[in-house]
N, C-alpha and C. Protein backbone atom coordinates (compact mmCIF):
# COMPACT_ATOMS: atom_id res chain seq x y z
N MET A 1 32.79 -20.91 -33.86
CA MET A 1 32.79 -21.12 -32.57
C MET A 1 31.54 -20.46 -31.96
N LYS A 2 30.98 -19.69 -32.91
CA LYS A 2 30.05 -19.06 -32.33
C LYS A 2 28.53 -19.97 -32.12
N LYS A 3 28.20 -20.83 -32.85
CA LYS A 3 27.14 -21.68 -32.85
C LYS A 3 27.87 -23.12 -31.57
N ALA A 4 28.85 -23.31 -31.32
CA ALA A 4 29.35 -23.99 -30.08
C ALA A 4 29.11 -23.16 -28.71
N ILE A 5 29.12 -21.82 -28.86
CA ILE A 5 29.37 -21.12 -27.32
C ILE A 5 27.33 -20.82 -27.22
N ILE A 6 26.79 -20.85 -28.09
CA ILE A 6 25.53 -20.49 -28.09
C ILE A 6 24.45 -22.18 -27.75
N LEU A 7 25.31 -22.95 -28.27
CA LEU A 7 24.78 -24.17 -27.47
C LEU A 7 24.96 -24.87 -26.19
N GLY A 8 26.20 -24.03 -25.90
CA GLY A 8 26.67 -24.02 -24.81
C GLY A 8 25.61 -23.75 -23.82
N LEU A 9 25.53 -22.19 -23.84
CA LEU A 9 24.47 -21.25 -23.43
C LEU A 9 23.01 -21.73 -23.06
N ALA A 10 22.55 -22.41 -23.98
CA ALA A 10 21.24 -23.11 -24.24
C ALA A 10 21.09 -24.32 -23.21
N CYS A 11 22.25 -24.99 -23.52
CA CYS A 11 22.47 -26.26 -22.51
C CYS A 11 22.31 -25.35 -21.19
N LEU A 12 23.64 -25.00 -20.73
CA LEU A 12 23.39 -24.33 -19.58
C LEU A 12 22.03 -23.67 -18.53
N LEU A 13 21.06 -22.82 -20.02
CA LEU A 13 19.89 -22.53 -19.36
C LEU A 13 19.06 -23.71 -19.28
N ALA A 14 19.18 -24.60 -20.33
CA ALA A 14 17.91 -25.82 -20.08
C ALA A 14 18.39 -26.34 -18.50
N VAL A 15 19.40 -26.35 -18.08
CA VAL A 15 19.90 -26.93 -16.75
C VAL A 15 19.41 -26.33 -15.63
N CYS A 16 20.28 -24.61 -15.79
CA CYS A 16 19.56 -24.46 -14.78
C CYS A 16 17.82 -24.03 -14.63
N GLN A 17 17.20 -23.89 -15.41
CA GLN A 17 16.08 -24.30 -15.67
C GLN A 17 15.30 -25.78 -14.76
N LEU A 18 15.73 -26.71 -15.24
CA LEU A 18 15.21 -27.83 -14.91
C LEU A 18 15.76 -28.20 -13.89
N ASN A 19 17.02 -27.58 -12.39
CA ASN A 19 17.51 -27.18 -11.62
C ASN A 19 16.51 -26.47 -10.28
N ALA A 20 16.01 -25.40 -11.38
CA ALA A 20 14.86 -24.80 -10.97
C ALA A 20 13.62 -25.17 -10.63
N GLN A 21 13.23 -25.85 -11.54
CA GLN A 21 11.95 -26.83 -11.32
C GLN A 21 12.12 -27.85 -10.59
N ASN A 22 12.91 -28.46 -10.23
CA ASN A 22 13.30 -29.64 -8.99
C ASN A 22 12.66 -28.65 -7.74
N TRP A 23 13.92 -27.57 -7.52
CA TRP A 23 13.88 -26.63 -6.31
C TRP A 23 12.63 -26.30 -6.09
N ASP A 24 11.39 -26.18 -7.13
CA ASP A 24 10.40 -25.50 -6.77
C ASP A 24 9.40 -26.55 -6.28
N ILE A 25 9.54 -27.77 -6.97
CA ILE A 25 8.63 -28.91 -6.58
C ILE A 25 8.81 -29.31 -5.28
N ASN A 26 10.21 -29.88 -5.21
CA ASN A 26 10.28 -30.37 -4.22
C ASN A 26 10.48 -29.58 -2.87
N THR A 27 10.69 -28.19 -2.79
CA THR A 27 10.30 -27.15 -1.59
C THR A 27 8.66 -27.54 -1.52
N VAL A 28 7.68 -27.34 -2.54
CA VAL A 28 6.35 -27.35 -2.58
C VAL A 28 5.70 -28.81 -1.45
N GLU A 29 6.89 -30.14 -2.12
CA GLU A 29 6.32 -31.41 -1.69
C GLU A 29 6.85 -31.54 -0.15
N LYS A 30 7.91 -30.72 0.54
CA LYS A 30 8.34 -30.76 1.87
C LYS A 30 7.49 -29.79 2.85
N VAL A 31 7.29 -28.31 1.95
CA VAL A 31 6.07 -27.67 3.15
C VAL A 31 4.67 -28.31 3.27
N ASN A 32 4.42 -28.71 1.86
CA ASN A 32 2.98 -29.52 1.74
C ASN A 32 2.82 -30.59 3.08
N ARG A 33 3.77 -31.43 3.46
CA ARG A 33 3.95 -32.65 4.84
C ARG A 33 3.75 -31.41 6.18
N TRP A 34 3.82 -30.15 6.24
CA TRP A 34 3.73 -29.79 7.21
C TRP A 34 2.55 -29.88 7.44
N ASN A 35 2.45 -30.25 9.34
CA ASN A 35 0.92 -30.50 9.60
C ASN A 35 0.61 -28.82 10.10
N MET A 36 0.03 -27.96 10.07
CA MET A 36 -0.54 -26.80 9.84
C MET A 36 -1.44 -25.97 8.85
N HIS A 37 -2.11 -27.42 8.94
CA HIS A 37 -3.02 -27.06 7.58
C HIS A 37 -4.33 -25.94 7.75
N ASP A 38 -4.28 -26.42 9.10
CA ASP A 38 -5.32 -25.19 9.49
C ASP A 38 -4.85 -23.63 9.94
N LEU A 39 -3.80 -23.45 10.31
CA LEU A 39 -3.02 -22.26 10.44
C LEU A 39 -3.22 -21.85 8.92
N SER A 40 -2.73 -22.22 7.52
CA SER A 40 -2.73 -22.67 6.44
C SER A 40 -3.84 -21.78 5.99
N ARG A 41 -4.89 -22.24 6.46
CA ARG A 41 -6.32 -21.89 5.83
C ARG A 41 -6.73 -20.64 6.45
N GLY A 42 -6.28 -20.36 7.75
CA GLY A 42 -6.51 -18.87 8.13
C GLY A 42 -5.82 -17.83 7.91
N LEU A 43 -4.36 -18.34 7.62
CA LEU A 43 -3.44 -16.83 6.86
C LEU A 43 -3.92 -17.08 5.12
N SER A 44 -4.54 -17.62 4.65
CA SER A 44 -4.65 -17.83 3.19
C SER A 44 -5.79 -17.01 2.93
N TYR A 45 -7.27 -17.33 3.72
CA TYR A 45 -8.42 -16.09 4.07
C TYR A 45 -8.19 -14.76 4.58
N SER A 46 -6.82 -15.02 5.32
CA SER A 46 -6.78 -13.06 5.92
C SER A 46 -6.03 -12.53 4.86
N GLY A 47 -5.23 -13.34 4.06
CA GLY A 47 -4.41 -12.91 2.35
C GLY A 47 -5.81 -12.25 1.59
N MET A 48 -6.78 -12.30 1.37
CA MET A 48 -7.44 -11.47 0.88
C MET A 48 -8.24 -11.09 1.53
N LEU A 49 -9.04 -11.02 2.86
CA LEU A 49 -10.04 -10.39 3.83
C LEU A 49 -9.54 -9.22 3.96
N LEU A 50 -8.13 -9.22 4.41
CA LEU A 50 -7.24 -7.84 5.25
C LEU A 50 -6.69 -7.19 4.25
N PRO A 51 -6.36 -7.65 3.06
CA PRO A 51 -6.39 -6.50 2.11
C PRO A 51 -7.47 -6.08 1.39
N VAL A 52 -8.71 -6.39 1.53
CA VAL A 52 -9.84 -5.32 1.25
C VAL A 52 -10.40 -4.69 2.41
N GLY A 53 -10.57 -5.46 3.53
CA GLY A 53 -10.68 -4.46 5.01
C GLY A 53 -10.65 -3.63 5.45
N VAL A 54 -9.03 -3.84 5.18
CA VAL A 54 -8.52 -2.49 6.12
C VAL A 54 -8.49 -1.24 5.23
N PRO A 55 -8.09 -1.26 3.89
CA PRO A 55 -8.47 0.48 3.51
C PRO A 55 -9.73 0.45 3.65
N THR A 56 -10.66 -0.72 3.07
CA THR A 56 -11.97 -0.49 3.38
C THR A 56 -12.54 0.19 4.73
N ALA A 57 -12.52 0.05 5.70
CA ALA A 57 -12.27 0.23 7.38
C ALA A 57 -11.71 1.64 7.14
N MET A 58 -10.84 1.98 6.78
CA MET A 58 -9.95 3.06 6.91
C MET A 58 -10.60 4.28 6.72
N GLY A 59 -11.29 3.91 4.74
CA GLY A 59 -12.03 4.58 4.21
C GLY A 59 -13.38 5.34 4.46
N ILE A 60 -13.81 4.38 5.36
CA ILE A 60 -15.03 4.71 6.15
C ILE A 60 -15.00 5.61 6.78
N TYR A 61 -13.97 4.98 7.87
CA TYR A 61 -13.91 5.80 9.21
C TYR A 61 -13.58 7.31 9.04
N ALA A 62 -12.58 7.45 7.91
CA ALA A 62 -11.68 9.01 7.44
C ALA A 62 -13.47 9.31 6.85
N LEU A 63 -14.10 8.63 6.29
CA LEU A 63 -15.57 9.70 5.77
C LEU A 63 -16.37 9.91 6.68
N ILE A 64 -16.24 9.17 7.76
CA ILE A 64 -17.40 9.40 8.97
C ILE A 64 -16.60 10.70 9.99
N LYS A 65 -15.26 10.84 10.18
CA LYS A 65 -14.80 11.61 10.68
C LYS A 65 -14.55 12.65 9.65
N LYS A 66 -14.83 12.93 8.69
CA LYS A 66 -14.37 13.80 7.57
C LYS A 66 -12.47 14.31 7.91
N ASP A 67 -12.04 13.06 8.22
CA ASP A 67 -10.63 13.41 8.05
C ASP A 67 -9.70 12.82 6.55
N GLN A 68 -9.33 13.98 6.25
CA GLN A 68 -8.63 14.15 4.98
C GLN A 68 -8.02 13.14 4.91
N PRO A 69 -6.79 13.58 5.68
CA PRO A 69 -5.01 12.89 5.85
C PRO A 69 -5.22 11.21 5.80
N LEU A 70 -6.40 10.96 6.53
CA LEU A 70 -6.73 9.51 6.73
C LEU A 70 -7.28 8.84 5.44
N LEU A 71 -8.57 9.59 4.32
CA LEU A 71 -8.85 9.56 3.61
C LEU A 71 -7.98 8.88 2.18
N LYS A 72 -6.79 9.89 2.37
CA LYS A 72 -5.41 9.99 1.14
C LYS A 72 -4.74 8.70 1.34
N GLU A 73 -4.81 8.22 3.17
CA GLU A 73 -4.09 6.78 3.39
C GLU A 73 -4.36 6.06 3.12
N ALA A 74 -6.11 5.73 3.32
CA ALA A 74 -6.68 4.91 2.64
C ALA A 74 -6.52 4.77 1.26
N VAL A 75 -6.84 5.68 0.23
CA VAL A 75 -6.97 5.71 -0.85
C VAL A 75 -5.17 4.74 -1.40
N TYR A 76 -4.69 5.35 -0.95
CA TYR A 76 -3.09 4.68 -1.52
C TYR A 76 -3.33 3.37 -1.16
N ILE A 77 -3.87 2.64 0.40
CA ILE A 77 -3.33 1.65 0.34
C ILE A 77 -4.25 0.68 -0.45
N GLY A 78 -5.08 0.98 -0.50
CA GLY A 78 -6.64 0.39 -1.30
C GLY A 78 -6.23 0.25 -2.52
N THR A 79 -5.30 1.43 -3.41
CA THR A 79 -5.06 1.52 -5.27
C THR A 79 -3.86 0.81 -5.18
N SER A 80 -3.05 0.45 -3.77
CA SER A 80 -1.90 0.00 -3.97
C SER A 80 -2.15 -1.95 -4.02
N VAL A 81 -3.26 -2.38 -3.59
CA VAL A 81 -3.59 -3.56 -3.28
C VAL A 81 -4.53 -4.15 -4.65
N ILE A 82 -5.30 -3.12 -4.83
CA ILE A 82 -6.16 -3.32 -6.36
C ILE A 82 -4.82 -3.54 -7.67
N GLU A 83 -4.15 -2.71 -7.60
CA GLU A 83 -3.02 -2.71 -8.74
C GLU A 83 -2.02 -4.38 -8.56
N ALA A 84 -1.50 -4.49 -7.19
CA ALA A 84 -1.27 -5.85 -6.99
C ALA A 84 -1.69 -6.89 -7.66
N VAL A 85 -3.32 -7.16 -7.22
CA VAL A 85 -3.96 -8.31 -7.44
C VAL A 85 -4.42 -7.91 -9.11
N GLY A 86 -4.15 -6.82 -9.79
CA GLY A 86 -4.72 -6.59 -11.05
C GLY A 86 -4.00 -7.35 -11.88
N ILE A 87 -2.49 -6.72 -11.97
CA ILE A 87 -1.43 -7.24 -12.09
C ILE A 87 -0.99 -8.48 -12.16
N THR A 88 -1.11 -9.10 -10.88
CA THR A 88 -1.26 -10.39 -10.63
C THR A 88 -1.91 -11.57 -11.62
N TYR A 89 -3.41 -11.03 -11.19
CA TYR A 89 -4.12 -11.73 -12.11
C TYR A 89 -4.03 -11.68 -13.76
N ALA A 90 -3.48 -10.85 -14.69
CA ALA A 90 -3.23 -10.41 -15.80
C ALA A 90 -1.90 -11.38 -16.16
N PHE A 91 -0.84 -11.79 -15.36
CA PHE A 91 0.28 -12.53 -15.60
C PHE A 91 -0.12 -13.73 -14.96
N LYS A 92 -1.28 -13.91 -13.90
CA LYS A 92 -1.60 -15.47 -14.24
C LYS A 92 -2.17 -16.30 -15.63
N TYR A 93 -2.56 -15.36 -16.27
CA TYR A 93 -3.36 -15.85 -17.37
C TYR A 93 -2.65 -15.79 -18.83
N ALA A 94 -1.77 -15.14 -18.72
CA ALA A 94 -0.65 -14.99 -19.72
C ALA A 94 0.26 -16.27 -19.44
N PHE A 95 0.60 -16.51 -18.18
CA PHE A 95 1.66 -17.40 -18.12
C PHE A 95 0.99 -18.91 -18.22
N ASP A 96 -0.07 -18.79 -17.80
CA ASP A 96 -1.42 -20.15 -17.33
C ASP A 96 -0.43 -21.37 -17.18
N ARG A 97 0.04 -21.24 -15.76
CA ARG A 97 1.19 -22.30 -15.27
C ARG A 97 -0.01 -22.98 -14.29
N GLN A 98 0.17 -24.13 -14.15
CA GLN A 98 -0.40 -25.09 -13.76
C GLN A 98 -0.19 -25.32 -12.08
N ARG A 99 -1.23 -25.64 -11.25
CA ARG A 99 -0.55 -25.41 -9.90
C ARG A 99 0.03 -26.55 -9.69
N PRO A 100 0.71 -26.72 -8.29
CA PRO A 100 1.55 -27.69 -7.80
C PRO A 100 0.34 -29.27 -8.00
N PHE A 101 -0.90 -29.11 -7.39
CA PHE A 101 -1.54 -30.31 -7.22
C PHE A 101 -2.28 -31.01 -8.39
N GLU A 102 -1.94 -30.09 -9.22
CA GLU A 102 -2.39 -30.58 -10.53
C GLU A 102 -1.10 -31.33 -11.29
N LYS A 103 -0.08 -30.52 -11.33
CA LYS A 103 1.10 -31.00 -12.29
C LYS A 103 1.35 -32.24 -11.44
N TYR A 104 1.38 -32.08 -10.60
CA TYR A 104 2.17 -33.36 -9.53
C TYR A 104 1.25 -33.75 -8.45
N PRO A 105 -0.15 -34.62 -8.79
CA PRO A 105 -1.16 -35.00 -7.92
C PRO A 105 -0.37 -36.19 -6.85
N GLU A 106 0.66 -37.05 -7.74
CA GLU A 106 1.42 -37.95 -6.88
C GLU A 106 1.96 -37.08 -5.69
N LEU A 107 2.55 -36.31 -5.79
CA LEU A 107 3.55 -35.86 -4.84
C LEU A 107 2.86 -34.77 -3.87
N ILE A 108 1.97 -33.92 -4.52
CA ILE A 108 1.39 -32.81 -3.67
C ILE A 108 -0.50 -33.12 -3.46
N HIS A 109 -0.65 -32.99 -2.29
CA HIS A 109 -2.01 -33.16 -1.72
C HIS A 109 -2.49 -31.45 -1.28
N PRO A 110 -3.58 -31.08 -2.06
CA PRO A 110 -4.34 -30.04 -2.25
C PRO A 110 -4.74 -30.09 -0.54
N ILE A 111 -4.65 -28.78 0.06
CA ILE A 111 -5.94 -28.67 1.03
C ILE A 111 -7.12 -27.72 0.60
N ASP A 112 -6.66 -27.16 -0.03
CA ASP A 112 -8.10 -26.41 -0.85
C ASP A 112 -7.58 -26.21 -2.25
N LYS A 113 -8.56 -26.83 -2.90
CA LYS A 113 -8.14 -26.35 -4.86
C LYS A 113 -8.54 -24.99 -5.09
N GLU A 114 -7.69 -24.63 -6.15
CA GLU A 114 -8.20 -23.06 -6.60
C GLU A 114 -7.81 -23.70 -8.20
N ASP A 115 -8.55 -22.96 -9.01
CA ASP A 115 -8.89 -23.22 -10.29
C ASP A 115 -8.41 -22.18 -11.10
N SER A 116 -7.91 -21.19 -10.96
CA SER A 116 -7.08 -20.21 -11.31
C SER A 116 -5.77 -20.90 -11.62
N PRO A 117 -4.86 -20.17 -12.85
CA PRO A 117 -3.51 -20.04 -12.73
C PRO A 117 -2.78 -20.03 -11.83
N SER A 118 -1.30 -20.89 -11.64
CA SER A 118 -0.44 -20.82 -10.20
C SER A 118 0.26 -19.51 -10.07
N PHE A 119 0.91 -19.19 -11.42
CA PHE A 119 1.86 -18.03 -11.27
C PHE A 119 1.45 -16.56 -11.66
N PRO A 120 1.41 -15.75 -10.90
CA PRO A 120 2.19 -15.35 -8.95
C PRO A 120 0.78 -15.87 -8.62
N SER A 121 1.16 -15.44 -7.70
CA SER A 121 0.51 -16.13 -6.02
C SER A 121 -0.54 -14.50 -6.17
N GLY A 122 -1.14 -14.45 -6.09
CA GLY A 122 -2.50 -13.37 -5.95
C GLY A 122 -2.66 -13.08 -4.27
N HIS A 123 -2.89 -13.87 -3.44
CA HIS A 123 -2.78 -13.99 -1.76
C HIS A 123 -1.77 -13.12 -1.38
N THR A 124 -0.64 -13.72 -1.96
CA THR A 124 0.90 -13.22 -1.19
C THR A 124 0.81 -11.82 -1.99
N ALA A 125 0.83 -11.39 -3.08
CA ALA A 125 0.74 -10.20 -3.77
C ALA A 125 -0.44 -8.74 -2.94
N ALA A 126 -1.29 -9.73 -2.72
CA ALA A 126 -2.29 -8.70 -2.18
C ALA A 126 -1.69 -8.49 -0.63
N ALA A 127 -1.26 -9.75 0.21
CA ALA A 127 -0.72 -9.41 1.39
C ALA A 127 0.37 -8.27 1.59
N PHE A 128 1.57 -8.72 0.43
CA PHE A 128 2.79 -7.76 0.68
C PHE A 128 2.62 -6.39 0.30
N SER A 129 1.71 -5.97 -0.81
CA SER A 129 1.04 -4.89 -1.11
C SER A 129 0.67 -4.30 0.25
N LEU A 130 -0.05 -4.46 0.95
CA LEU A 130 -0.85 -4.06 2.03
C LEU A 130 0.81 -3.81 3.22
N ALA A 131 0.83 -5.10 3.55
CA ALA A 131 2.15 -4.82 4.28
C ALA A 131 2.93 -3.72 4.21
N THR A 132 3.50 -3.79 2.67
CA THR A 132 4.53 -2.70 2.19
C THR A 132 3.51 -1.19 2.61
N SER A 133 2.72 -0.95 1.86
CA SER A 133 1.86 0.53 2.34
C SER A 133 1.82 0.51 3.29
N LEU A 134 1.36 -0.44 4.46
CA LEU A 134 0.85 0.45 5.34
C LEU A 134 2.53 0.40 6.18
N SER A 135 3.32 0.04 6.00
CA SER A 135 4.75 0.51 6.54
C SER A 135 5.65 1.85 5.90
N ILE A 136 4.88 2.09 4.80
CA ILE A 136 5.49 2.98 4.12
C ILE A 136 4.53 3.95 5.00
N THR A 137 3.21 4.20 5.13
CA THR A 137 2.14 4.41 5.59
C THR A 137 2.73 4.87 6.91
N TYR A 138 2.40 3.71 7.93
CA TYR A 138 3.30 4.11 9.50
C TYR A 138 4.46 3.75 9.60
N PRO A 139 5.72 4.17 9.01
CA PRO A 139 6.71 3.73 9.40
C PRO A 139 7.29 3.57 10.78
N LYS A 140 6.64 2.44 11.77
CA LYS A 140 6.81 2.37 12.84
C LYS A 140 7.56 0.84 12.70
N TRP A 141 7.93 0.22 13.97
CA TRP A 141 8.38 -1.04 14.10
C TRP A 141 7.08 -1.79 14.62
N TYR A 142 6.16 -1.36 15.21
CA TYR A 142 5.07 -2.16 15.46
C TYR A 142 4.16 -2.33 13.98
N VAL A 143 4.10 -1.63 13.41
CA VAL A 143 3.25 -1.49 12.10
C VAL A 143 3.92 -2.71 11.14
N ILE A 144 6.07 -2.52 11.19
CA ILE A 144 6.31 -2.89 10.19
C ILE A 144 6.54 -4.51 10.60
N ALA A 145 7.33 -4.86 11.47
CA ALA A 145 7.40 -6.52 12.14
C ALA A 145 5.97 -6.96 11.96
N PRO A 146 5.33 -7.04 12.57
CA PRO A 146 3.92 -7.77 12.44
C PRO A 146 3.15 -7.79 11.16
N SER A 147 3.09 -6.91 10.26
CA SER A 147 2.79 -6.51 8.87
C SER A 147 3.60 -7.96 7.81
N ALA A 148 4.88 -7.60 8.13
CA ALA A 148 5.69 -8.55 7.36
C ALA A 148 5.79 -9.84 7.91
N VAL A 149 5.67 -10.12 9.04
CA VAL A 149 5.72 -11.54 9.95
C VAL A 149 4.19 -12.39 8.82
N TRP A 150 3.09 -11.75 9.19
CA TRP A 150 1.94 -11.72 8.53
C TRP A 150 1.98 -11.96 7.09
N ALA A 151 2.52 -11.00 6.32
CA ALA A 151 2.92 -11.18 4.52
C ALA A 151 3.53 -12.60 4.27
N CYS A 152 4.32 -12.85 5.17
CA CYS A 152 4.90 -13.88 4.62
C CYS A 152 4.88 -15.56 5.22
N GLY A 153 4.14 -14.89 6.19
CA GLY A 153 2.94 -16.05 6.66
C GLY A 153 2.06 -16.58 5.69
N VAL A 154 1.58 -15.59 4.80
CA VAL A 154 0.57 -15.74 4.26
C VAL A 154 1.05 -16.52 2.84
N GLY A 155 2.15 -16.16 2.32
CA GLY A 155 3.35 -17.18 1.06
C GLY A 155 3.39 -18.30 1.68
N LEU A 156 3.98 -18.43 2.57
CA LEU A 156 4.05 -19.96 3.44
C LEU A 156 2.98 -20.58 3.17
N ALA A 157 1.62 -20.40 3.97
CA ALA A 157 0.73 -21.33 3.89
C ALA A 157 0.04 -21.22 2.44
N ARG A 158 0.05 -20.47 1.60
CA ARG A 158 0.07 -20.70 -0.06
C ARG A 158 0.52 -22.19 -0.33
N ILE A 159 1.71 -22.25 -0.33
CA ILE A 159 2.85 -23.33 -0.61
C ILE A 159 2.49 -24.51 0.51
N ASN A 160 1.93 -24.52 1.76
CA ASN A 160 1.71 -25.54 2.69
C ASN A 160 0.41 -26.16 1.97
N GLN A 161 -0.21 -25.50 1.94
CA GLN A 161 -1.81 -25.63 0.95
C GLN A 161 -1.49 -26.56 -0.33
N GLY A 162 -0.28 -26.69 -1.29
CA GLY A 162 -0.20 -27.26 -2.12
C GLY A 162 -0.68 -26.29 -3.43
N VAL A 163 -1.04 -25.34 -3.38
CA VAL A 163 -1.60 -24.27 -4.36
C VAL A 163 -0.74 -23.51 -5.11
N HIS A 164 0.72 -23.46 -4.54
CA HIS A 164 1.67 -22.15 -4.81
C HIS A 164 2.91 -22.67 -4.98
N TYR A 165 3.74 -22.38 -6.13
CA TYR A 165 5.50 -22.89 -5.98
C TYR A 165 5.87 -21.65 -5.20
N PRO A 166 6.90 -21.98 -4.82
CA PRO A 166 7.50 -20.80 -4.24
C PRO A 166 8.32 -19.96 -4.85
N SER A 167 8.19 -19.94 -6.40
CA SER A 167 8.62 -19.01 -7.14
C SER A 167 7.43 -18.13 -7.37
N ASP A 168 6.18 -18.75 -7.31
CA ASP A 168 5.10 -17.71 -7.46
C ASP A 168 4.64 -17.05 -6.12
N VAL A 169 5.26 -17.56 -4.88
CA VAL A 169 5.11 -16.96 -3.92
C VAL A 169 5.91 -15.57 -4.12
N LEU A 170 7.20 -15.99 -4.45
CA LEU A 170 7.91 -14.78 -4.37
C LEU A 170 7.49 -13.68 -5.53
N ALA A 171 7.25 -14.02 -6.75
CA ALA A 171 6.84 -13.40 -8.04
C ALA A 171 5.86 -12.47 -7.25
N GLY A 172 4.49 -13.11 -6.61
CA GLY A 172 3.77 -12.23 -6.17
C GLY A 172 4.21 -11.49 -4.78
N ALA A 173 5.48 -12.00 -4.50
CA ALA A 173 5.71 -10.37 -3.34
C ALA A 173 6.55 -9.61 -3.78
N ALA A 174 7.16 -9.84 -4.81
CA ALA A 174 7.64 -8.80 -5.64
C ALA A 174 7.00 -7.66 -6.12
N ILE A 175 5.66 -8.45 -6.84
CA ILE A 175 4.87 -7.60 -7.05
C ILE A 175 3.89 -6.40 -6.64
N GLY A 176 3.52 -7.18 -5.45
CA GLY A 176 2.93 -6.45 -4.03
C GLY A 176 4.04 -5.36 -3.56
N ILE A 177 4.97 -5.68 -3.07
CA ILE A 177 6.15 -4.52 -2.94
C ILE A 177 5.85 -3.56 -3.72
N GLY A 178 6.35 -4.06 -5.09
CA GLY A 178 6.55 -3.08 -6.01
C GLY A 178 5.47 -2.21 -6.21
N CYS A 179 4.15 -2.55 -6.18
CA CYS A 179 2.96 -1.77 -6.33
C CYS A 179 2.66 -0.60 -5.19
N ALA A 180 3.22 -1.08 -4.20
CA ALA A 180 2.91 -0.10 -3.03
C ALA A 180 4.34 1.15 -3.48
N PHE A 181 5.41 0.59 -3.77
CA PHE A 181 6.12 1.95 -3.93
C PHE A 181 5.77 2.88 -5.09
N ALA A 182 5.61 1.90 -6.26
CA ALA A 182 5.10 2.93 -7.34
C ALA A 182 4.01 3.65 -6.99
N ASN A 183 3.27 2.69 -5.96
CA ASN A 183 1.88 3.96 -5.56
C ASN A 183 1.87 5.26 -4.93
N VAL A 184 3.47 4.73 -4.62
CA VAL A 184 3.70 6.56 -3.49
C VAL A 184 3.44 7.53 -4.88
N TYR A 185 4.48 7.34 -5.59
CA TYR A 185 4.66 8.45 -6.95
C TYR A 185 3.50 8.38 -7.42
N ILE A 186 2.46 7.41 -8.01
CA ILE A 186 0.77 7.38 -8.68
C ILE A 186 -0.25 8.25 -8.12
N ASN A 187 0.32 7.82 -6.42
CA ASN A 187 -1.13 8.65 -5.55
C ASN A 187 -0.95 9.98 -5.12
N ARG A 188 0.42 10.77 -5.81
CA ARG A 188 0.75 12.04 -5.41
C ARG A 188 -0.11 12.73 -6.92
N TRP A 189 -0.29 11.92 -8.11
CA TRP A 189 -1.26 12.67 -8.96
C TRP A 189 -2.62 12.06 -8.70
N LEU A 190 -2.54 10.82 -7.93
CA LEU A 190 -4.41 10.60 -7.64
C LEU A 190 -5.00 11.56 -6.61
N ASN A 191 -4.04 11.94 -5.70
CA ASN A 191 -4.61 12.87 -4.52
C ASN A 191 -4.91 14.40 -5.37
N LYS A 192 -3.70 14.76 -6.37
CA LYS A 192 -4.49 16.24 -6.98
C LYS A 192 -5.82 15.71 -7.59
N VAL A 193 -6.22 14.81 -8.20
CA VAL A 193 -7.24 14.62 -9.28
C VAL A 193 -8.69 14.39 -8.19
N LEU A 194 -8.56 13.70 -6.72
CA LEU A 194 -9.54 13.54 -6.13
C LEU A 194 -9.49 14.79 -5.03
N PHE A 195 -8.60 14.72 -4.43
CA PHE A 195 -8.61 16.04 -3.23
C PHE A 195 -7.71 17.53 -3.99
N LYS A 196 -8.69 17.85 -4.71
CA LYS A 196 -8.17 18.88 -5.40
C LYS A 196 -8.39 20.36 -3.89
């Protein structure tokens, strides 16, 4: 009886995994056909430029103005992004998942090719880390709404470009959001070290 239950569970897991893979590639195939490739390039580029540029600009401005609270905010946002990108790249090489355009070249037409593994999305992790840490730091609707829309746009752009599956993007978003929330506590310790 136990063997039958284990065999049944294994079959159920295999079917669920197959359906999840089908959903993943079917979604990429549909989104890849959308004619928004120029917008996707811009959003994708901003998914690495803004997460580096925003905390850097904040930090430089804070140093020039000798504004320690702003410098603490810049360190919090910057370290959230750094952690998200670091965790993402560790997972990328641990999972070593092929990009959709590599695994399904007959279905997916890449807009820009990438040579690193697919899972999870680093651009999405960085974007959601920046958006979440900005929203925590400045909890106003005019910060939260645009940053959330932008971060979602970055994730969608990565799928449209044919370089990520939806599961890559969802995992990247979870890592980015998680790092921003975890860093609230991590930076309490870091602030004691940096700003005695």
